[in-house]
Amino acid sequence: MRKTLKSYFFWTHGRGSFHYDVMVTLILAFIFVTPHLWNYGDRPTPISGFSAPIEVVSDHGRGLLVMVSAADVHVAADANDAAIRKALHQAIEPVTGDAVFVTHWETMTGADGQPIQWRVHVRR
């Protein structure tokens, strides 16, 4: 028994042999069964859909210009610059990634004065 376990550990059996097939079966069983038994924490986070497409264009060598719908940015009307910067970063992060820095922004408003789009200038 000890010799068999040692040969399994050092993978000394030839391909196509009974012991080789047992080892491969155990490895495949581990790969396909354990995700159902243990939570590895590798499930994707649910991301809510955007109300409008996010447009990313070059800012003529100064970084990126990201246009995002106002409905996708969740910020209070009386928020300070730090809160606005954080809300804009969270809104564009699924598209641009985490490694961007929001430098400044502009609000595009509709005829009724309500914001309809944010123009966000970011740098990597």
C-alpha atoms as a PDB file:
ATOM      1  CA  MET A   1       0.000   0.000   0.000  1.00  0.00           C
ATOM      2  CA  ARG A   2       2.836   2.391   0.893  1.00  0.00           C
ATOM      3  CA  LYS A   3       4.597   1.673  -2.395  1.00  0.00           C
ATOM      4  CA  THR A   4       1.387   2.364  -4.371  1.00  0.00           C
ATOM      5  CA  LEU A   5       0.774   5.694  -2.596  1.00  0.00           C
ATOM      6  CA  LYS A   6       4.421   6.674  -3.173  1.00  0.00           C
ATOM      7  CA  SER A   7       4.098   5.843  -6.882  1.00  0.00           C
ATOM      8  CA  TYR A   8       0.911   7.962  -7.060  1.00  0.00           C
ATOM      9  CA  PHE A   9       2.683  10.898  -5.391  1.00  0.00           C
ATOM     10  CA  PHE A  10       5.696  10.754  -7.759  1.00  0.00           C
ATOM     11  CA  TRP A  11       3.488   9.958 -10.811  1.00  0.00           C
ATOM     12  CA  THR A  12       5.531   6.927 -11.867  1.00  0.00           C
ATOM     13  CA  HIS A  13       2.808   4.995 -13.698  1.00  0.00           C
ATOM     14  CA  GLY A  14       2.780   4.823 -17.461  1.00  0.00           C
ATOM     15  CA  ARG A  15       0.085   6.420 -19.538  1.00  0.00           C
ATOM     16  CA  GLY A  16      -2.871   4.121 -20.174  1.00  0.00           C
ATOM     17  CA  SER A  17      -2.278   1.984 -17.094  1.00  0.00           C
ATOM     18  CA  PHE A  18      -4.958   1.408 -14.460  1.00  0.00           C
ATOM     19  CA  HIS A  19      -3.203   3.557 -11.819  1.00  0.00           C
ATOM     20  CA  TYR A  20      -2.667   6.394 -14.312  1.00  0.00           C
ATOM     21  CA  ASP A  21      -6.384   6.383 -15.128  1.00  0.00           C
ATOM     22  CA  VAL A  22      -7.234   6.416 -11.405  1.00  0.00           C
ATOM     23  CA  MET A  23      -4.988   9.445 -10.819  1.00  0.00           C
ATOM     24  CA  VAL A  24      -6.467  11.365 -13.753  1.00  0.00           C
ATOM     25  CA  THR A  25      -9.997  10.515 -12.613  1.00  0.00           C
ATOM     26  CA  LEU A  26      -9.249  11.790  -9.096  1.00  0.00           C
ATOM     27  CA  ILE A  27      -7.817  15.037 -10.468  1.00  0.00           C
ATOM     28  CA  LEU A  28     -10.820  15.612 -12.733  1.00  0.00           C
ATOM     29  CA  ALA A  29     -13.216  14.787  -9.894  1.00  0.00           C
ATOM     30  CA  PHE A  30     -11.438  17.361  -7.708  1.00  0.00           C
ATOM     31  CA  ILE A  31     -11.654  20.018 -10.423  1.00  0.00           C
ATOM     32  CA  PHE A  32     -15.340  19.520 -11.192  1.00  0.00           C
ATOM     33  CA  VAL A  33     -16.757  18.547  -7.782  1.00  0.00           C
ATOM     34  CA  THR A  34     -15.040  20.901  -5.319  1.00  0.00           C
ATOM     35  CA  PRO A  35     -16.561  24.159  -6.668  1.00  0.00           C
ATOM     36  CA  HIS A  36     -19.955  22.773  -5.662  1.00  0.00           C
ATOM     37  CA  LEU A  37     -18.718  21.821  -2.183  1.00  0.00           C
ATOM     38  CA  TRP A  38     -16.571  24.865  -1.290  1.00  0.00           C
ATOM     39  CA  ASN A  39     -16.997  28.548  -1.983  1.00  0.00           C
ATOM     40  CA  TYR A  40     -13.755  29.789  -3.525  1.00  0.00           C
ATOM     41  CA  GLY A  41     -15.138  33.339  -3.748  1.00  0.00           C
ATOM     42  CA  ASP A  42     -14.551  33.541  -7.492  1.00  0.00           C
ATOM     43  CA  ARG A  43     -18.059  34.320  -8.640  1.00  0.00           C
ATOM     44  CA  PRO A  44     -18.454  37.472 -10.745  1.00  0.00           C
ATOM     45  CA  THR A  45     -20.068  40.448  -9.071  1.00  0.00           C
ATOM     46  CA  PRO A  46     -23.430  41.419 -10.524  1.00  0.00           C
ATOM     47  CA  ILE A  47     -23.189  44.663 -12.470  1.00  0.00           C
ATOM     48  CA  SER A  48     -26.330  46.550 -13.243  1.00  0.00           C
ATOM     49  CA  GLY A  49     -26.682  47.554 -16.857  1.00  0.00           C
ATOM     50  CA  PHE A  50     -26.084  51.063 -18.057  1.00  0.00           C
ATOM     51  CA  SER A  51     -29.037  53.180 -19.147  1.00  0.00           C
ATOM     52  CA  ALA A  52     -27.055  54.479 -22.134  1.00  0.00           C
ATOM     53  CA  PRO A  53     -23.778  53.466 -23.779  1.00  0.00           C
ATOM     54  CA  ILE A  54     -20.584  54.893 -22.296  1.00  0.00           C
ATOM     55  CA  GLU A  55     -18.381  56.556 -24.888  1.00  0.00           C
ATOM     56  CA  VAL A  56     -14.604  56.691 -24.388  1.00  0.00           C
ATOM     57  CA  VAL A  57     -12.425  58.810 -26.695  1.00  0.00           C
ATOM     58  CA  SER A  58      -8.909  60.187 -26.595  1.00  0.00           C
ATOM     59  CA  ASP A  59      -8.455  63.625 -25.051  1.00  0.00           C
ATOM     60  CA  HIS A  60      -5.733  64.630 -27.553  1.00  0.00           C
ATOM     61  CA  GLY A  61      -2.846  63.144 -25.575  1.00  0.00           C
ATOM     62  CA  ARG A  62      -3.998  64.441 -22.188  1.00  0.00           C
ATOM     63  CA  GLY A  63      -5.844  61.264 -21.212  1.00  0.00           C
ATOM     64  CA  LEU A  64      -9.319  59.957 -21.936  1.00  0.00           C
ATOM     65  CA  LEU A  65     -12.670  61.665 -22.268  1.00  0.00           C
ATOM     66  CA  VAL A  66     -15.533  59.511 -20.991  1.00  0.00           C
ATOM     67  CA  MET A  67     -19.137  60.457 -21.680  1.00  0.00           C
ATOM     68  CA  VAL A  68     -21.595  58.801 -19.307  1.00  0.00           C
ATOM     69  CA  SER A  69     -25.330  59.279 -18.885  1.00  0.00           C
ATOM     70  CA  ALA A  70     -26.462  61.212 -15.823  1.00  0.00           C
ATOM     71  CA  ALA A  71     -28.800  58.328 -14.937  1.00  0.00           C
ATOM     72  CA  ASP A  72     -25.748  56.079 -14.436  1.00  0.00           C
ATOM     73  CA  VAL A  73     -24.044  58.454 -11.960  1.00  0.00           C
ATOM     74  CA  HIS A  74     -25.539  58.288  -8.485  1.00  0.00           C
ATOM     75  CA  VAL A  75     -24.638  61.533  -6.740  1.00  0.00           C
ATOM     76  CA  ALA A  76     -26.606  63.898  -4.522  1.00  0.00           C
ATOM     77  CA  ALA A  77     -27.418  67.370  -5.830  1.00  0.00           C
ATOM     78  CA  ASP A  78     -25.527  69.074  -2.983  1.00  0.00           C
ATOM     79  CA  ALA A  79     -22.467  66.764  -3.094  1.00  0.00           C
ATOM     80  CA  ASN A  80     -18.956  68.164  -2.772  1.00  0.00           C
ATOM     81  CA  ASP A  81     -16.169  67.615  -5.328  1.00  0.00           C
ATOM     82  CA  ALA A  82     -14.782  64.539  -3.563  1.00  0.00           C
ATOM     83  CA  ALA A  83     -18.198  62.829  -3.561  1.00  0.00           C
ATOM     84  CA  ILE A  84     -18.771  63.701  -7.233  1.00  0.00           C
ATOM     85  CA  ARG A  85     -15.293  62.419  -8.166  1.00  0.00           C
ATOM     86  CA  LYS A  86     -15.973  59.139  -6.317  1.00  0.00           C
ATOM     87  CA  ALA A  87     -19.413  58.692  -7.928  1.00  0.00           C
ATOM     88  CA  LEU A  88     -17.984  59.363 -11.405  1.00  0.00           C
ATOM     89  CA  HIS A  89     -15.125  56.915 -10.809  1.00  0.00           C
ATOM     90  CA  GLN A  90     -17.585  54.221  -9.701  1.00  0.00           C
ATOM     91  CA  ALA A  91     -19.763  54.832 -12.759  1.00  0.00           C
ATOM     92  CA  ILE A  92     -16.929  54.533 -15.289  1.00  0.00           C
ATOM     93  CA  GLU A  93     -14.862  51.841 -13.518  1.00  0.00           C
ATOM     94  CA  PRO A  94     -16.496  48.864 -15.332  1.00  0.00           C
ATOM     95  CA  VAL A  95     -15.382  50.380 -18.652  1.00  0.00           C
ATOM     96  CA  THR A  96     -12.050  52.067 -17.856  1.00  0.00           C
ATOM     97  CA  GLY A  97     -10.808  49.865 -15.029  1.00  0.00           C
ATOM     98  CA  ASP A  98      -9.630  50.871 -11.582  1.00  0.00           C
ATOM     99  CA  ALA A  99      -6.344  52.478 -12.650  1.00  0.00           C
ATOM    100  CA  VAL A 100      -7.746  55.833 -13.782  1.00  0.00           C
ATOM    101  CA  PHE A 101      -7.852  59.187 -12.012  1.00  0.00           C
ATOM    102  CA  VAL A 102     -10.707  61.629 -12.596  1.00  0.00           C
ATOM    103  CA  THR A 103      -9.103  65.026 -13.274  1.00  0.00           C
ATOM    104  CA  HIS A 104     -12.172  67.153 -14.011  1.00  0.00           C
ATOM    105  CA  TRP A 105     -15.692  66.924 -15.380  1.00  0.00           C
ATOM    106  CA  GLU A 106     -18.436  68.882 -17.080  1.00  0.00           C
ATOM    107  CA  THR A 107     -22.188  68.457 -16.856  1.00  0.00           C
ATOM    108  CA  MET A 108     -24.268  68.605 -20.016  1.00  0.00           C
ATOM    109  CA  THR A 109     -27.807  69.771 -19.206  1.00  0.00           C
ATOM    110  CA  GLY A 110     -31.043  69.531 -21.112  1.00  0.00           C
ATOM    111  CA  ALA A 111     -33.517  72.298 -21.924  1.00  0.00           C
ATOM    112  CA  ASP A 112     -35.131  71.864 -18.498  1.00  0.00           C
ATOM    113  CA  GLY A 113     -31.801  72.356 -16.686  1.00  0.00           C
ATOM    114  CA  GLN A 114     -31.528  68.747 -15.553  1.00  0.00           C
ATOM    115  CA  PRO A 115     -28.193  66.988 -16.170  1.00  0.00           C
ATOM    116  CA  ILE A 116     -28.347  64.489 -19.039  1.00  0.00           C
ATOM    117  CA  GLN A 117     -24.685  63.587 -19.477  1.00  0.00           C
ATOM    118  CA  TRP A 118     -21.331  63.867 -17.713  1.00  0.00           C
ATOM    119  CA  ARG A 119     -18.121  64.543 -19.666  1.00  0.00           C
ATOM    120  CA  VAL A 120     -15.393  63.094 -17.458  1.00  0.00           C
ATOM    121  CA  HIS A 121     -11.694  63.704 -18.140  1.00  0.00           C
ATOM    122  CA  VAL A 122      -9.509  60.903 -16.763  1.00  0.00           C
ATOM    123  CA  ARG A 123      -5.825  59.954 -16.760  1.00  0.00           C
ATOM    124  CA  ARG A 124      -4.232  56.569 -16.419  1.00  0.00           C
END
